[in-house]
N, C-alpha and C. Protein backbone atom coordinates (compact mmCIF):
# COMPACT_ATOMS: atom_id res chain seq x y z
N MET A 1 -52.09 54.15 39.15
CA MET A 1 -52.62 53.04 39.90
C MET A 1 -52.48 51.73 39.11
N LYS A 2 -52.68 51.82 37.80
CA LYS A 2 -52.56 50.61 36.97
C LYS A 2 -51.14 50.05 36.99
N ILE A 3 -50.16 50.94 37.04
CA ILE A 3 -48.77 50.48 37.03
C ILE A 3 -48.46 49.67 38.30
N ALA A 4 -49.07 50.06 39.41
CA ALA A 4 -48.87 49.32 40.66
C ALA A 4 -49.51 47.93 40.57
N VAL A 5 -50.68 47.85 39.97
CA VAL A 5 -51.36 46.56 39.82
C VAL A 5 -50.56 45.65 38.88
N ILE A 6 -50.10 46.20 37.79
CA ILE A 6 -49.30 45.41 36.84
C ILE A 6 -47.99 44.97 37.49
N GLY A 7 -47.38 45.86 38.28
CA GLY A 7 -46.17 45.49 39.02
C GLY A 7 -46.42 44.36 39.99
N GLY A 8 -47.57 44.40 40.66
CA GLY A 8 -47.93 43.32 41.57
C GLY A 8 -48.15 42.00 40.85
N ILE A 9 -48.82 42.07 39.72
CA ILE A 9 -49.04 40.86 38.92
C ILE A 9 -47.71 40.29 38.44
N LEU A 10 -46.82 41.15 38.00
CA LEU A 10 -45.50 40.72 37.54
C LEU A 10 -44.71 40.07 38.68
N THR A 11 -44.77 40.67 39.85
CA THR A 11 -44.06 40.11 41.01
C THR A 11 -44.60 38.74 41.37
N ILE A 12 -45.92 38.62 41.41
CA ILE A 12 -46.53 37.33 41.73
C ILE A 12 -46.21 36.30 40.65
N ALA A 13 -46.24 36.72 39.39
CA ALA A 13 -45.96 35.79 38.29
C ALA A 13 -44.54 35.24 38.41
N ILE A 14 -43.58 36.09 38.69
CA ILE A 14 -42.19 35.64 38.81
C ILE A 14 -42.02 34.73 40.02
N ALA A 15 -42.55 35.15 41.16
CA ALA A 15 -42.38 34.36 42.39
C ALA A 15 -43.06 32.99 42.27
N ASP A 16 -44.27 32.96 41.74
CA ASP A 16 -45.00 31.70 41.60
C ASP A 16 -44.30 30.77 40.61
N ALA A 17 -43.91 31.32 39.47
CA ALA A 17 -43.24 30.50 38.46
C ALA A 17 -41.91 29.98 38.98
N PHE A 18 -41.17 30.82 39.69
CA PHE A 18 -39.88 30.40 40.21
C PHE A 18 -40.03 29.30 41.26
N SER A 19 -41.01 29.45 42.15
CA SER A 19 -41.18 28.45 43.20
C SER A 19 -41.62 27.11 42.62
N ASP A 20 -42.51 27.14 41.64
CA ASP A 20 -42.92 25.87 41.01
C ASP A 20 -41.79 25.24 40.22
N ALA A 21 -41.01 26.07 39.52
CA ALA A 21 -39.87 25.54 38.76
C ALA A 21 -38.84 24.93 39.70
N LEU A 22 -38.63 25.56 40.85
CA LEU A 22 -37.69 25.00 41.83
C LEU A 22 -38.20 23.67 42.36
N GLY A 23 -39.50 23.57 42.58
CA GLY A 23 -40.08 22.31 43.02
C GLY A 23 -39.89 21.21 42.00
N VAL A 24 -40.11 21.53 40.74
CA VAL A 24 -39.90 20.55 39.67
C VAL A 24 -38.44 20.15 39.60
N TYR A 25 -37.55 21.13 39.74
CA TYR A 25 -36.11 20.84 39.70
C TYR A 25 -35.72 19.87 40.82
N ILE A 26 -36.18 20.17 42.04
CA ILE A 26 -35.83 19.31 43.17
C ILE A 26 -36.40 17.90 42.98
N PHE A 27 -37.64 17.83 42.50
CA PHE A 27 -38.26 16.52 42.26
C PHE A 27 -37.48 15.73 41.21
N LYS A 28 -37.17 16.37 40.09
CA LYS A 28 -36.44 15.68 39.02
C LYS A 28 -35.02 15.31 39.45
N GLU A 29 -34.39 16.18 40.23
CA GLU A 29 -33.03 15.93 40.69
C GLU A 29 -32.98 14.74 41.66
N SER A 30 -34.05 14.56 42.43
CA SER A 30 -34.07 13.46 43.40
C SER A 30 -34.20 12.10 42.72
N ASP A 31 -34.73 12.09 41.50
CA ASP A 31 -34.84 10.85 40.75
C ASP A 31 -33.55 10.69 39.93
N ARG A 32 -32.75 9.77 40.29
CA ARG A 32 -31.43 9.61 39.66
C ARG A 32 -31.49 9.12 38.21
N ASN A 33 -32.66 8.76 37.72
CA ASN A 33 -32.77 8.27 36.35
C ASN A 33 -32.85 9.40 35.33
N ASN A 34 -33.01 10.63 35.78
CA ASN A 34 -33.13 11.76 34.87
C ASN A 34 -31.76 12.30 34.48
N LYS A 35 -31.67 12.74 33.24
CA LYS A 35 -30.44 13.35 32.75
C LYS A 35 -30.48 14.85 33.04
N VAL A 36 -29.32 15.46 33.08
CA VAL A 36 -29.22 16.90 33.40
C VAL A 36 -29.99 17.72 32.38
N LYS A 37 -29.89 17.36 31.12
CA LYS A 37 -30.59 18.11 30.07
C LYS A 37 -32.12 18.04 30.26
N GLU A 38 -32.62 16.87 30.62
CA GLU A 38 -34.05 16.70 30.86
C GLU A 38 -34.50 17.52 32.07
N ILE A 39 -33.67 17.53 33.10
CA ILE A 39 -34.01 18.31 34.30
C ILE A 39 -34.09 19.79 33.96
N ARG A 40 -33.13 20.29 33.23
CA ARG A 40 -33.13 21.72 32.86
C ARG A 40 -34.30 22.07 31.96
N LYS A 41 -34.62 21.20 31.01
CA LYS A 41 -35.75 21.47 30.12
C LYS A 41 -37.06 21.51 30.91
N SER A 42 -37.25 20.58 31.82
CA SER A 42 -38.46 20.54 32.63
C SER A 42 -38.58 21.78 33.52
N THR A 43 -37.47 22.17 34.12
CA THR A 43 -37.46 23.35 34.99
C THR A 43 -37.78 24.61 34.19
N PHE A 44 -37.15 24.77 33.04
CA PHE A 44 -37.37 25.95 32.21
C PHE A 44 -38.80 25.98 31.67
N ALA A 45 -39.29 24.85 31.21
CA ALA A 45 -40.65 24.78 30.68
C ALA A 45 -41.68 25.12 31.75
N THR A 46 -41.46 24.64 32.96
CA THR A 46 -42.37 24.95 34.06
C THR A 46 -42.37 26.44 34.35
N PHE A 47 -41.17 27.04 34.42
CA PHE A 47 -41.08 28.47 34.69
C PHE A 47 -41.80 29.29 33.63
N VAL A 48 -41.52 29.01 32.38
CA VAL A 48 -42.11 29.78 31.27
C VAL A 48 -43.63 29.62 31.24
N ALA A 49 -44.11 28.41 31.37
CA ALA A 49 -45.56 28.17 31.32
C ALA A 49 -46.28 28.87 32.47
N LYS A 50 -45.76 28.72 33.68
CA LYS A 50 -46.40 29.37 34.84
C LYS A 50 -46.34 30.88 34.72
N PHE A 51 -45.23 31.42 34.24
CA PHE A 51 -45.09 32.86 34.09
C PHE A 51 -46.09 33.41 33.06
N LEU A 52 -46.18 32.75 31.93
CA LEU A 52 -47.08 33.24 30.87
C LEU A 52 -48.55 33.16 31.29
N VAL A 53 -48.92 32.09 31.95
CA VAL A 53 -50.31 31.97 32.42
C VAL A 53 -50.62 33.06 33.44
N ALA A 54 -49.70 33.30 34.36
CA ALA A 54 -49.93 34.35 35.37
C ALA A 54 -50.00 35.74 34.73
N MET A 55 -49.22 35.97 33.69
CA MET A 55 -49.22 37.28 33.05
C MET A 55 -50.50 37.55 32.25
N THR A 56 -51.28 36.52 31.96
CA THR A 56 -52.55 36.76 31.27
C THR A 56 -53.50 37.59 32.13
N PHE A 57 -53.26 37.61 33.44
CA PHE A 57 -54.10 38.42 34.32
C PHE A 57 -53.81 39.91 34.20
N ALA A 58 -52.72 40.27 33.54
CA ALA A 58 -52.42 41.68 33.29
C ALA A 58 -53.19 42.21 32.08
N ILE A 59 -53.66 41.34 31.23
CA ILE A 59 -54.36 41.77 30.02
C ILE A 59 -55.62 42.56 30.34
N PRO A 60 -56.49 42.10 31.24
CA PRO A 60 -57.66 42.92 31.56
C PRO A 60 -57.31 44.28 32.15
N VAL A 61 -56.24 44.36 32.91
CA VAL A 61 -55.82 45.64 33.49
C VAL A 61 -55.42 46.61 32.38
N LEU A 62 -54.78 46.09 31.35
CA LEU A 62 -54.37 46.93 30.22
C LEU A 62 -55.54 47.27 29.30
N MET A 63 -56.53 46.38 29.22
CA MET A 63 -57.64 46.57 28.29
C MET A 63 -58.71 47.53 28.81
N PHE A 64 -59.00 47.48 30.10
CA PHE A 64 -60.12 48.23 30.64
C PHE A 64 -59.64 49.45 31.42
N GLU A 65 -60.41 50.53 31.33
CA GLU A 65 -60.09 51.75 32.07
C GLU A 65 -60.30 51.55 33.57
N SER A 66 -61.37 50.87 33.93
CA SER A 66 -61.73 50.68 35.33
C SER A 66 -61.02 49.47 35.91
N LEU A 67 -60.38 49.67 37.06
CA LEU A 67 -59.74 48.54 37.73
C LEU A 67 -60.78 47.56 38.28
N LEU A 68 -61.95 48.08 38.62
CA LEU A 68 -63.03 47.20 39.09
C LEU A 68 -63.44 46.22 37.99
N THR A 69 -63.61 46.73 36.79
CA THR A 69 -63.97 45.87 35.65
C THR A 69 -62.85 44.87 35.38
N ALA A 70 -61.60 45.33 35.42
CA ALA A 70 -60.47 44.44 35.18
C ALA A 70 -60.39 43.36 36.25
N THR A 71 -60.71 43.71 37.50
CA THR A 71 -60.70 42.74 38.58
C THR A 71 -61.78 41.68 38.40
N ILE A 72 -62.95 42.12 37.99
CA ILE A 72 -64.05 41.18 37.76
C ILE A 72 -63.72 40.24 36.61
N VAL A 73 -63.18 40.79 35.52
CA VAL A 73 -62.81 39.95 34.37
C VAL A 73 -61.71 38.96 34.77
N SER A 74 -60.74 39.41 35.55
CA SER A 74 -59.66 38.52 36.00
C SER A 74 -60.20 37.42 36.91
N ALA A 75 -61.15 37.77 37.76
CA ALA A 75 -61.73 36.77 38.66
C ALA A 75 -62.51 35.72 37.88
N ILE A 76 -63.21 36.15 36.86
CA ILE A 76 -63.93 35.20 36.00
C ILE A 76 -62.95 34.32 35.22
N TRP A 77 -61.86 34.92 34.74
CA TRP A 77 -60.85 34.17 34.01
C TRP A 77 -60.22 33.14 34.91
């Protein structure tokens, strides 16, 4: 059961990070004053930051035996 929850968290982390990174990319690309290198750095940084923050919700699932406890800890976090 834990593997399914972690898989769900991973899926949400990737989808959320990708969608936000795409939004940043489109925003930066629409502003003609930005350089390609700056656009790529902003897009990558957004993806990595959003992914890592979302993956912190997997820590309680790995730490606690009970999924109920892990859910409560994640909700508080």
